Amino acid sequence: MTAHMTKPALTINRFIEGLRKHAANGNTPHMGILNIPPDLRLGAEDYQAISRDAFHYLPENTQIHRLENGMVACVRGGKWVEDDSGFVEHVRETLDEVIERQGLGTIPSNLWNRFKWPTDDERIGKLFGIPLSERTLGAPFERFNMSEMLRGAITTEAVFDSCRRQAILSFDDTRRYVVGHEIYCSLDYLRQNHLASFLLEGPGEIEILSRVLDEKVMEVTRSIASAILPDRLHLNMQVQTVLSDTFAEFIHQDDGALMRNMAIEFSMENAIANWWEFEDACEFLHSSGIQVGLDRITLPALEFLSPRKMNVDFIKVIWDQNIIGSRRTEVADRLREFANLFVESSLILTRCDSRTALRMGRSLGVEVFQGSYIDAMLGSYLHRVCTSKRRTTDKRCAVCQWAPREARKNGCGFHFRNGHRLSES
């Protein structure tokens, strides 16, 4: 709790925006606000003392915010039925010590105020001295729709700018060939470069952003499909997106061309958090003839997974250089077991950023790889195969490596489609 008090004071506008976002997600924040007059001149150590009291006397999961006007807001998402008299008593003791030390100021009669948002928006506005209620007499309260706001804020160009395409390469004793490509949007890049003005902090807000982003990636895929099909495309989606009408319309366009050339990947975190919906999504995708994969599986997580009970066509395990460390034998044996069970290119080692990852994976029986090192390997082939106009001294284009937006602009053909053999002996 003390860490909250060391952060910069929160502006009133940002605090109110946070309350509105909670309400937009279907939550009803309950809060108490300490009306601490600015003339008391509380220092950082005084706010820390209040924070320590809050930790002991307030309900669990209560967030503490120091506001720019000196007040302190204690907010929690659910109902607040616990007795708070002990907390208020300790705050008064702290303020008495401040007044004795400073020699000025008084404790206001309305020191502690309990509110519920958005029901008490007018009362909160009165305490802050600003108008907050936008409701007129007899008019319903209009909730803030974050989904619509993000749909308008995330342009197609922003998605293209944030999109990446990574090759999935299969290795055996005699040849190397392309299995397909994953198209994904870098969420961190999008947030830092195109959504920097949005305060997207809570898990509910990130989930809304992810679902809106899924829709935008579907739009991008639809626009470039004619240039890259019949390559097998891997799209990373949220479980909730796959069960939506938007996704159903997406896969049935162009007489189902995408269904015949597409695989859907779910992150392990998203699948576990929505397990029943995950199973329904797998059943729906399989009935449509679409392959299903489980992505973002860490090496330690293999210990807790049962490969024979996973209703997926392939899994993607994240390479971790720590496999070379103290637990190398146990983790390596588990990965080898999965590689033997998931045959025919159904175990993919991802985030392979070095030659070590490729060599180590192959020694453990893995045959399919994805990552920056794999894309770098394609560069030498691209230099020889690409027939478009040379753009720089080291490569001709970026179409086949990682930039989907280039497919719209430079007219270069897609050289490394599904099944393309890079070498054979």
Protein backbone atom coordinates (compact mmCIF):
# COMPACT_ATOMS: atom_id res chain seq x y z
CA MET A 1 0.00 0.00 0.00
CA THR A 2 2.81 2.40 0.81
CA ALA A 3 4.02 2.30 -2.78
CA HIS A 4 0.82 4.03 -3.88
CA MET A 5 1.63 7.02 -1.71
CA THR A 6 5.06 7.47 -3.27
CA LYS A 7 3.62 7.82 -6.77
CA PRO A 8 2.83 11.29 -8.19
CA ALA A 9 -0.55 12.69 -7.20
CA LEU A 10 -3.41 11.69 -9.52
CA THR A 11 -5.27 14.44 -11.34
CA ILE A 12 -8.99 14.71 -10.74
CA ASN A 13 -9.72 14.20 -14.45
CA ARG A 14 -7.69 10.99 -14.59
CA PHE A 15 -9.33 9.69 -11.41
CA ILE A 16 -12.83 10.33 -12.80
CA GLU A 17 -11.85 8.76 -16.15
CA GLY A 18 -10.80 5.61 -14.27
CA LEU A 19 -14.19 5.45 -12.52
CA ARG A 20 -15.99 5.81 -15.84
CA LYS A 21 -13.94 3.00 -17.37
CA HIS A 22 -14.81 0.71 -14.48
CA ALA A 23 -18.49 1.50 -14.98
CA ALA A 24 -18.14 0.86 -18.74
CA ASN A 25 -16.83 -2.63 -17.96
CA GLY A 26 -19.96 -3.35 -15.93
CA ASN A 27 -18.41 -2.69 -12.50
CA THR A 28 -19.79 -0.45 -9.74
CA PRO A 29 -16.86 1.03 -7.83
CA HIS A 30 -17.40 1.75 -4.13
CA MET A 31 -15.11 4.27 -2.50
CA GLY A 32 -14.31 6.46 0.43
CA ILE A 33 -12.61 9.83 0.01
CA LEU A 34 -10.61 11.55 2.72
CA ASN A 35 -11.30 15.29 2.55
CA ILE A 36 -7.85 16.50 3.58
CA PRO A 37 -7.54 20.32 3.28
CA PRO A 38 -4.43 21.55 1.37
CA ASP A 39 -3.56 23.91 4.24
CA LEU A 40 -2.63 20.92 6.41
CA ARG A 41 0.46 20.52 4.19
CA LEU A 42 0.85 16.76 4.52
CA GLY A 43 4.27 15.39 3.58
CA ALA A 44 5.11 12.10 1.88
CA GLU A 45 5.68 10.41 5.25
CA ASP A 46 2.20 11.50 6.41
CA TYR A 47 0.56 9.94 3.36
CA GLN A 48 2.61 6.80 3.95
CA ALA A 49 1.27 6.63 7.51
CA ILE A 50 -2.30 6.86 6.17
CA SER A 51 -1.46 4.14 3.66
CA ARG A 52 -0.21 1.82 6.40
CA ASP A 53 -3.45 2.32 8.29
CA ALA A 54 -5.42 1.63 5.11
CA PHE A 55 -3.60 -1.65 4.65
CA HIS A 56 -4.68 -2.87 8.09
CA TYR A 57 -8.15 -1.41 8.45
CA LEU A 58 -9.69 -1.30 4.98
CA PRO A 59 -11.19 -4.26 3.05
CA GLU A 60 -8.98 -6.41 0.83
CA ASN A 61 -8.40 -5.31 -2.78
CA THR A 62 -8.83 -1.63 -1.89
CA GLN A 63 -6.77 0.68 -4.10
CA ILE A 64 -5.36 3.87 -2.58
CA HIS A 65 -4.96 7.02 -4.72
CA ARG A 66 -3.51 10.36 -3.61
CA LEU A 67 -5.25 13.10 -5.57
CA GLU A 68 -3.77 16.39 -6.78
CA ASN A 69 -5.94 18.40 -4.37
CA GLY A 70 -4.49 16.58 -1.35
CA MET A 71 -7.44 14.23 -0.83
CA VAL A 72 -7.01 10.45 -0.64
CA ALA A 73 -9.40 8.10 -2.46
CA CYS A 74 -9.84 4.48 -1.35
CA VAL A 75 -11.54 2.51 -4.14
CA ARG A 76 -12.64 -1.11 -4.43
CA GLY A 77 -14.60 -2.86 -7.16
CA GLY A 78 -17.23 -4.63 -5.03
CA LYS A 79 -19.52 -3.79 -2.16
CA TRP A 80 -18.08 -2.19 0.94
CA VAL A 81 -19.89 -3.43 4.02
CA GLU A 82 -17.01 -3.61 6.51
CA ASP A 83 -16.75 -1.21 9.43
CA ASP A 84 -14.30 1.60 8.67
CA SER A 85 -14.37 3.38 12.04
CA GLY A 86 -10.92 2.04 12.98
CA PHE A 87 -9.43 3.41 9.78
CA VAL A 88 -10.98 6.87 10.26
CA GLU A 89 -9.80 6.98 13.87
CA HIS A 90 -6.20 6.31 12.88
CA VAL A 91 -6.38 8.92 10.12
CA ARG A 92 -7.59 11.51 12.65
CA GLU A 93 -4.65 10.63 14.89
CA THR A 94 -2.25 11.18 11.98
CA LEU A 95 -3.85 14.52 11.12
CA ASP A 96 -3.75 15.62 14.79
CA GLU A 97 0.00 14.96 14.75
CA VAL A 98 0.36 17.02 11.56
CA ILE A 99 -1.62 19.94 13.04
CA GLU A 100 0.47 19.82 16.23
CA ARG A 101 3.67 19.79 14.20
CA GLN A 102 2.60 22.55 11.77
CA GLY A 103 0.77 24.67 14.30
CA LEU A 104 -2.11 25.43 11.91
CA GLY A 105 -5.16 23.92 10.22
CA THR A 106 -8.24 22.04 11.40
CA ILE A 107 -9.80 18.67 10.60
CA PRO A 108 -12.99 19.15 8.55
CA SER A 109 -16.28 17.74 9.83
CA ASN A 110 -16.76 15.78 6.58
CA LEU A 111 -13.34 14.14 6.71
CA TRP A 112 -14.53 10.69 5.50
CA ASN A 113 -17.08 10.40 2.69
CA ARG A 114 -18.49 7.16 1.26
CA PHE A 115 -19.66 7.04 -2.39
CA LYS A 116 -20.85 4.66 -5.09
CA TRP A 117 -20.16 5.37 -8.77
CA PRO A 118 -21.97 6.46 -10.90
CA THR A 119 -24.94 6.83 -8.52
CA ASP A 120 -23.21 9.49 -6.41
CA ASP A 121 -21.48 11.39 -9.22
CA GLU A 122 -23.16 14.67 -8.25
CA ARG A 123 -22.05 14.32 -4.60
CA ILE A 124 -18.47 13.53 -5.68
CA GLY A 125 -18.49 16.56 -7.97
CA LYS A 126 -19.70 18.74 -5.10
CA LEU A 127 -16.86 17.48 -2.87
CA PHE A 128 -14.30 18.18 -5.63
CA GLY A 129 -15.94 21.50 -6.47
CA ILE A 130 -16.50 20.59 -10.15
CA PRO A 131 -19.62 19.54 -12.13
CA LEU A 132 -19.52 15.82 -13.01
CA SER A 133 -23.06 14.77 -13.75
CA GLU A 134 -23.97 14.93 -17.45
CA ARG A 135 -27.47 13.57 -16.91
CA THR A 136 -30.52 15.68 -17.49
CA LEU A 137 -33.79 15.24 -15.63
CA GLY A 138 -35.55 12.09 -16.87
CA ALA A 139 -32.69 11.07 -19.22
CA PRO A 140 -30.91 7.73 -18.71
CA PHE A 141 -27.22 7.65 -17.86
CA GLU A 142 -25.13 6.93 -20.96
CA ARG A 143 -22.34 4.47 -20.23
CA PHE A 144 -18.87 4.95 -21.62
CA ASN A 145 -18.32 2.45 -24.47
CA MET A 146 -14.62 1.66 -24.61
CA SER A 147 -14.99 -0.90 -27.43
CA GLU A 148 -16.44 1.69 -29.80
CA MET A 149 -13.84 4.24 -28.77
CA LEU A 150 -10.99 1.82 -29.53
CA ARG A 151 -12.51 0.76 -32.83
CA GLY A 152 -12.42 4.36 -33.92
CA ALA A 153 -8.96 5.03 -32.50
CA ILE A 154 -7.18 2.02 -34.04
CA THR A 155 -6.89 2.74 -37.75
CA THR A 156 -6.08 0.18 -40.41
CA GLU A 157 -2.74 1.89 -40.98
CA ALA A 158 -1.92 1.56 -37.27
CA VAL A 159 -2.59 -2.19 -37.42
CA PHE A 160 -0.49 -2.59 -40.57
CA ASP A 161 2.28 -0.63 -38.86
CA SER A 162 2.13 -2.94 -35.83
CA CYS A 163 1.66 -6.23 -37.71
CA ARG A 164 4.37 -8.83 -38.12
CA ARG A 165 4.55 -12.04 -40.11
CA GLN A 166 6.84 -14.83 -38.93
CA ALA A 167 7.68 -17.91 -40.93
CA ILE A 168 7.18 -21.39 -39.46
CA LEU A 169 9.94 -23.67 -40.78
CA SER A 170 10.18 -27.46 -40.72
CA PHE A 171 13.53 -29.28 -40.60
CA ASP A 172 14.31 -32.92 -41.22
CA ASP A 173 17.40 -34.83 -42.26
CA THR A 174 17.20 -33.92 -45.93
CA ARG A 175 15.31 -30.67 -46.37
CA ARG A 176 13.97 -27.42 -44.96
CA TYR A 177 10.55 -26.20 -46.00
CA VAL A 178 7.94 -23.63 -44.99
CA VAL A 179 4.93 -24.88 -43.00
CA GLY A 180 3.15 -21.53 -42.95
CA HIS A 181 3.24 -18.05 -41.46
CA GLU A 182 1.86 -16.49 -38.29
CA ILE A 183 0.37 -13.02 -38.65
CA TYR A 184 0.14 -11.14 -35.37
CA CYS A 185 -0.15 -7.58 -34.15
CA SER A 186 2.40 -6.40 -31.63
CA LEU A 187 0.21 -5.18 -28.78
CA ASP A 188 3.09 -3.41 -27.03
CA TYR A 189 4.11 -1.59 -30.23
CA LEU A 190 0.52 -0.50 -30.88
CA ARG A 191 0.03 0.80 -27.34
CA GLN A 192 3.33 2.69 -27.28
CA ASN A 193 3.08 4.26 -30.74
CA HIS A 194 -0.62 4.60 -31.55
CA LEU A 195 -2.52 4.45 -28.23
CA ALA A 196 -0.13 6.33 -25.96
CA SER A 197 -2.85 8.77 -24.91
CA PHE A 198 -5.15 6.00 -23.62
CA LEU A 199 -4.91 4.80 -20.02
CA LEU A 200 -5.24 1.05 -20.58
CA GLU A 201 -4.22 -0.48 -17.28
CA GLY A 202 -6.64 -3.06 -15.86
CA PRO A 203 -7.07 -6.63 -17.15
CA GLY A 204 -10.63 -5.85 -18.25
CA GLU A 205 -9.44 -2.96 -20.41
CA ILE A 206 -6.65 -5.06 -21.98
CA GLU A 207 -9.19 -7.79 -22.78
CA ILE A 208 -11.42 -5.27 -24.56
CA LEU A 209 -8.40 -3.98 -26.50
CA SER A 210 -7.39 -7.52 -27.47
CA ARG A 211 -10.84 -8.33 -28.82
CA VAL A 212 -11.02 -5.09 -30.82
CA LEU A 213 -7.53 -5.81 -32.11
CA ASP A 214 -8.62 -9.28 -33.23
CA GLU A 215 -11.30 -7.64 -35.36
CA LYS A 216 -8.75 -5.24 -36.86
CA VAL A 217 -6.33 -8.08 -37.65
CA MET A 218 -9.16 -9.89 -39.41
CA GLU A 219 -9.74 -6.79 -41.53
CA VAL A 220 -6.04 -6.64 -42.44
CA THR A 221 -5.95 -10.36 -43.25
CA ARG A 222 -9.02 -10.02 -45.45
CA SER A 223 -7.41 -7.15 -47.37
CA ILE A 224 -4.17 -9.00 -48.16
CA ALA A 225 -5.58 -12.52 -48.49
CA SER A 226 -5.55 -12.48 -52.30
CA ALA A 227 -1.80 -11.70 -52.29
CA ILE A 228 -0.72 -14.40 -49.83
CA LEU A 229 -3.15 -17.30 -50.23
CA PRO A 230 -2.91 -20.29 -50.49
CA ASP A 231 -0.21 -19.94 -47.84
CA ARG A 232 -1.26 -21.40 -44.48
CA LEU A 233 -1.93 -18.48 -42.13
CA HIS A 234 -1.72 -18.76 -38.35
CA LEU A 235 -3.80 -16.12 -36.52
CA ASN A 236 -3.57 -15.66 -32.75
CA MET A 237 -7.07 -14.96 -31.43
CA GLN A 238 -9.00 -14.59 -28.20
CA VAL A 239 -11.45 -17.39 -27.39
CA GLN A 240 -14.28 -14.84 -27.19
CA THR A 241 -13.50 -13.53 -30.68
CA VAL A 242 -13.78 -16.96 -32.30
CA LEU A 243 -17.26 -17.41 -30.83
CA SER A 244 -18.48 -14.09 -32.28
CA ASP A 245 -20.56 -13.39 -35.41
CA THR A 246 -17.73 -11.22 -36.77
CA PHE A 247 -15.40 -14.22 -36.89
CA ALA A 248 -18.03 -16.41 -38.57
CA GLU A 249 -18.43 -13.81 -41.33
CA PHE A 250 -14.65 -13.54 -41.66
CA ILE A 251 -13.96 -17.23 -42.29
CA HIS A 252 -16.82 -17.67 -44.76
CA GLN A 253 -15.76 -14.90 -47.13
CA ASP A 254 -14.59 -15.81 -50.67
CA ASP A 255 -16.33 -19.19 -50.50
CA GLY A 256 -14.38 -20.25 -47.43
CA ALA A 257 -10.90 -19.75 -48.92
CA LEU A 258 -9.56 -18.71 -45.53
CA MET A 259 -10.99 -21.75 -43.78
CA ARG A 260 -9.02 -24.04 -46.08
CA ASN A 261 -5.76 -22.19 -45.42
CA MET A 262 -5.93 -21.07 -41.82
CA ALA A 263 -5.02 -22.17 -38.30
CA ILE A 264 -6.16 -20.42 -35.11
CA GLU A 265 -3.92 -20.20 -32.05
CA PHE A 266 -5.08 -19.52 -28.50
CA SER A 267 -2.70 -18.45 -25.76
CA MET A 268 -2.54 -20.85 -22.84
CA GLU A 269 -3.52 -18.04 -20.42
CA ASN A 270 -6.63 -17.17 -22.44
CA ALA A 271 -7.63 -20.84 -22.74
CA ILE A 272 -7.26 -21.55 -19.02
CA ALA A 273 -9.17 -18.40 -18.02
CA ASN A 274 -12.08 -19.35 -20.33
CA TRP A 275 -11.85 -23.15 -20.35
CA TRP A 276 -15.44 -24.05 -21.22
CA GLU A 277 -15.56 -21.44 -23.98
CA PHE A 278 -12.15 -22.71 -25.16
CA GLU A 279 -13.52 -26.22 -25.59
CA ASP A 280 -16.55 -24.85 -27.47
CA ALA A 281 -14.26 -22.80 -29.72
CA CYS A 282 -12.11 -25.86 -30.51
CA GLU A 283 -15.19 -27.87 -31.40
CA PHE A 284 -16.50 -25.07 -33.64
CA LEU A 285 -13.17 -24.64 -35.45
CA HIS A 286 -12.71 -28.37 -36.00
CA SER A 287 -16.23 -28.64 -37.41
CA SER A 288 -15.29 -25.86 -39.85
CA GLY A 289 -12.12 -27.65 -40.93
CA ILE A 290 -9.78 -25.18 -39.23
CA GLN A 291 -6.73 -26.34 -37.28
CA VAL A 292 -6.46 -25.28 -33.63
CA GLY A 293 -3.29 -24.68 -31.64
CA LEU A 294 -2.31 -23.78 -28.09
CA ASP A 295 0.33 -21.04 -27.97
CA ARG A 296 2.66 -19.50 -25.36
CA ILE A 297 3.40 -22.68 -23.45
CA THR A 298 6.49 -22.31 -21.29
CA LEU A 299 8.93 -25.17 -20.74
CA PRO A 300 8.09 -25.47 -17.00
CA ALA A 301 4.38 -25.65 -17.88
CA LEU A 302 4.94 -28.88 -19.83
CA GLU A 303 5.20 -30.66 -16.50
CA PHE A 304 1.54 -29.91 -15.74
CA LEU A 305 0.03 -30.60 -19.19
CA SER A 306 -1.34 -33.92 -20.39
CA PRO A 307 -0.66 -34.24 -24.15
CA ARG A 308 -3.20 -37.03 -24.61
CA LYS A 309 -6.02 -34.89 -23.22
CA MET A 310 -5.37 -31.75 -25.29
CA ASN A 311 -7.97 -31.35 -28.03
CA VAL A 312 -5.67 -29.32 -30.31
CA ASP A 313 -3.86 -30.03 -33.57
CA PHE A 314 -0.55 -28.48 -32.53
CA ILE A 315 1.16 -26.76 -29.63
CA LYS A 316 3.74 -23.96 -29.54
CA VAL A 317 6.36 -24.10 -26.81
CA ILE A 318 8.46 -21.03 -25.98
CA TRP A 319 12.20 -21.58 -26.21
CA ASP A 320 13.99 -20.75 -22.97
CA GLN A 321 17.77 -20.68 -22.78
CA ASN A 322 17.50 -21.69 -19.11
CA ILE A 323 16.99 -25.23 -20.36
CA ILE A 324 20.79 -25.34 -20.42
CA GLY A 325 20.86 -24.68 -16.67
CA SER A 326 20.47 -26.84 -13.59
CA ARG A 327 17.16 -28.49 -14.56
CA ARG A 328 18.25 -29.28 -18.09
CA THR A 329 17.71 -33.05 -17.80
CA GLU A 330 14.14 -32.92 -16.44
CA VAL A 331 12.93 -30.19 -18.81
CA ALA A 332 14.68 -31.70 -21.82
CA ASP A 333 13.16 -35.12 -21.16
CA ARG A 334 9.68 -33.60 -20.91
CA LEU A 335 10.13 -31.66 -24.16
CA ARG A 336 11.41 -34.82 -25.87
CA GLU A 337 8.31 -36.69 -24.65
CA PHE A 338 6.00 -34.07 -26.13
CA ALA A 339 7.97 -34.04 -29.40
CA ASN A 340 7.49 -37.80 -29.73
CA LEU A 341 3.75 -37.56 -29.07
CA PHE A 342 3.06 -34.51 -31.25
CA VAL A 343 4.32 -35.86 -34.55
CA GLU A 344 3.93 -34.51 -38.08
CA SER A 345 4.92 -30.92 -37.36
CA SER A 346 2.49 -30.54 -34.46
CA LEU A 347 5.01 -29.27 -31.88
CA ILE A 348 6.51 -25.88 -32.77
CA LEU A 349 9.38 -24.32 -30.83
CA THR A 350 8.84 -20.54 -30.87
CA ARG A 351 10.89 -17.42 -30.07
CA CYS A 352 14.01 -19.09 -31.44
CA ASP A 353 16.36 -16.12 -31.47
CA SER A 354 19.66 -17.96 -31.77
CA ARG A 355 21.35 -20.88 -33.47
CA THR A 356 21.50 -22.58 -30.06
CA ALA A 357 17.69 -22.73 -29.91
CA LEU A 358 17.55 -24.46 -33.29
CA ARG A 359 20.30 -26.95 -32.53
CA MET A 360 19.02 -27.73 -29.03
CA GLY A 361 15.49 -28.19 -30.27
CA ARG A 362 16.52 -30.54 -33.06
CA SER A 363 18.60 -32.61 -30.66
CA LEU A 364 15.46 -33.12 -28.54
CA GLY A 365 13.33 -34.25 -31.46
CA VAL A 366 11.63 -30.96 -32.40
CA GLU A 367 11.22 -30.49 -36.15
CA VAL A 368 9.34 -27.18 -36.52
CA PHE A 369 10.63 -23.75 -35.46
CA GLN A 370 9.62 -20.10 -35.44
CA GLY A 371 11.40 -16.92 -34.36
CA SER A 372 13.77 -14.13 -35.31
CA TYR A 373 16.63 -16.53 -36.10
CA ILE A 374 14.38 -18.46 -38.49
CA ASP A 375 13.38 -15.23 -40.25
CA ALA A 376 17.05 -14.28 -40.51
CA MET A 377 17.75 -17.59 -42.23
CA LEU A 378 15.19 -16.70 -44.90
CA GLY A 379 17.07 -13.50 -45.69
CA SER A 380 19.81 -15.23 -47.67
CA TYR A 381 17.24 -17.14 -49.72
CA LEU A 382 15.25 -13.97 -50.28
CA HIS A 383 18.33 -12.23 -51.66
CA ARG A 384 18.65 -14.86 -54.36
CA VAL A 385 14.98 -15.51 -55.12
CA CYS A 386 13.34 -12.07 -55.12
CA THR A 387 13.03 -10.52 -58.58
CA SER A 388 11.66 -7.13 -57.55
CA LYS A 389 13.67 -3.92 -57.78
CA ARG A 390 16.50 -3.78 -55.28
CA ARG A 391 15.76 -1.30 -52.48
CA THR A 392 18.94 -1.52 -50.43
CA THR A 393 22.32 -3.14 -50.79
CA ASP A 394 21.48 -6.11 -48.59
CA LYS A 395 17.92 -7.09 -49.58
CA ARG A 396 15.28 -6.42 -52.19
CA CYS A 397 12.07 -6.39 -50.14
CA ALA A 398 10.58 -7.32 -46.79
CA VAL A 399 7.47 -9.09 -48.05
CA CYS A 400 8.60 -12.58 -47.23
CA GLN A 401 10.19 -11.79 -43.92
CA TRP A 402 8.00 -9.83 -41.55
CA ALA A 403 6.07 -6.83 -42.96
CA PRO A 404 2.52 -7.58 -44.23
CA ARG A 405 1.99 -3.93 -45.19
CA GLU A 406 4.63 -4.29 -47.93
CA ALA A 407 2.39 -6.75 -49.78
CA ARG A 408 0.07 -3.86 -50.65
CA LYS A 409 2.71 -1.45 -51.94
CA ASN A 410 5.71 -2.84 -53.77
CA GLY A 411 4.06 -5.44 -56.01
CA CYS A 412 6.53 -8.16 -55.05
CA GLY A 413 5.38 -11.76 -55.18
CA PHE A 414 5.19 -13.87 -52.04
CA HIS A 415 8.19 -16.18 -52.38
CA PHE A 416 8.03 -18.41 -49.33
CA ARG A 417 4.55 -19.91 -49.35
CA ASN A 418 3.43 -23.02 -47.50
CA GLY A 419 5.39 -26.02 -48.82
CA HIS A 420 8.24 -23.97 -50.33
CA ARG A 421 11.46 -25.97 -50.04
CA LEU A 422 14.53 -23.98 -49.08
CA SER A 423 16.98 -26.85 -49.42
CA GLU A 424 16.99 -30.54 -50.19
CA SER A 425 19.77 -33.06 -50.42
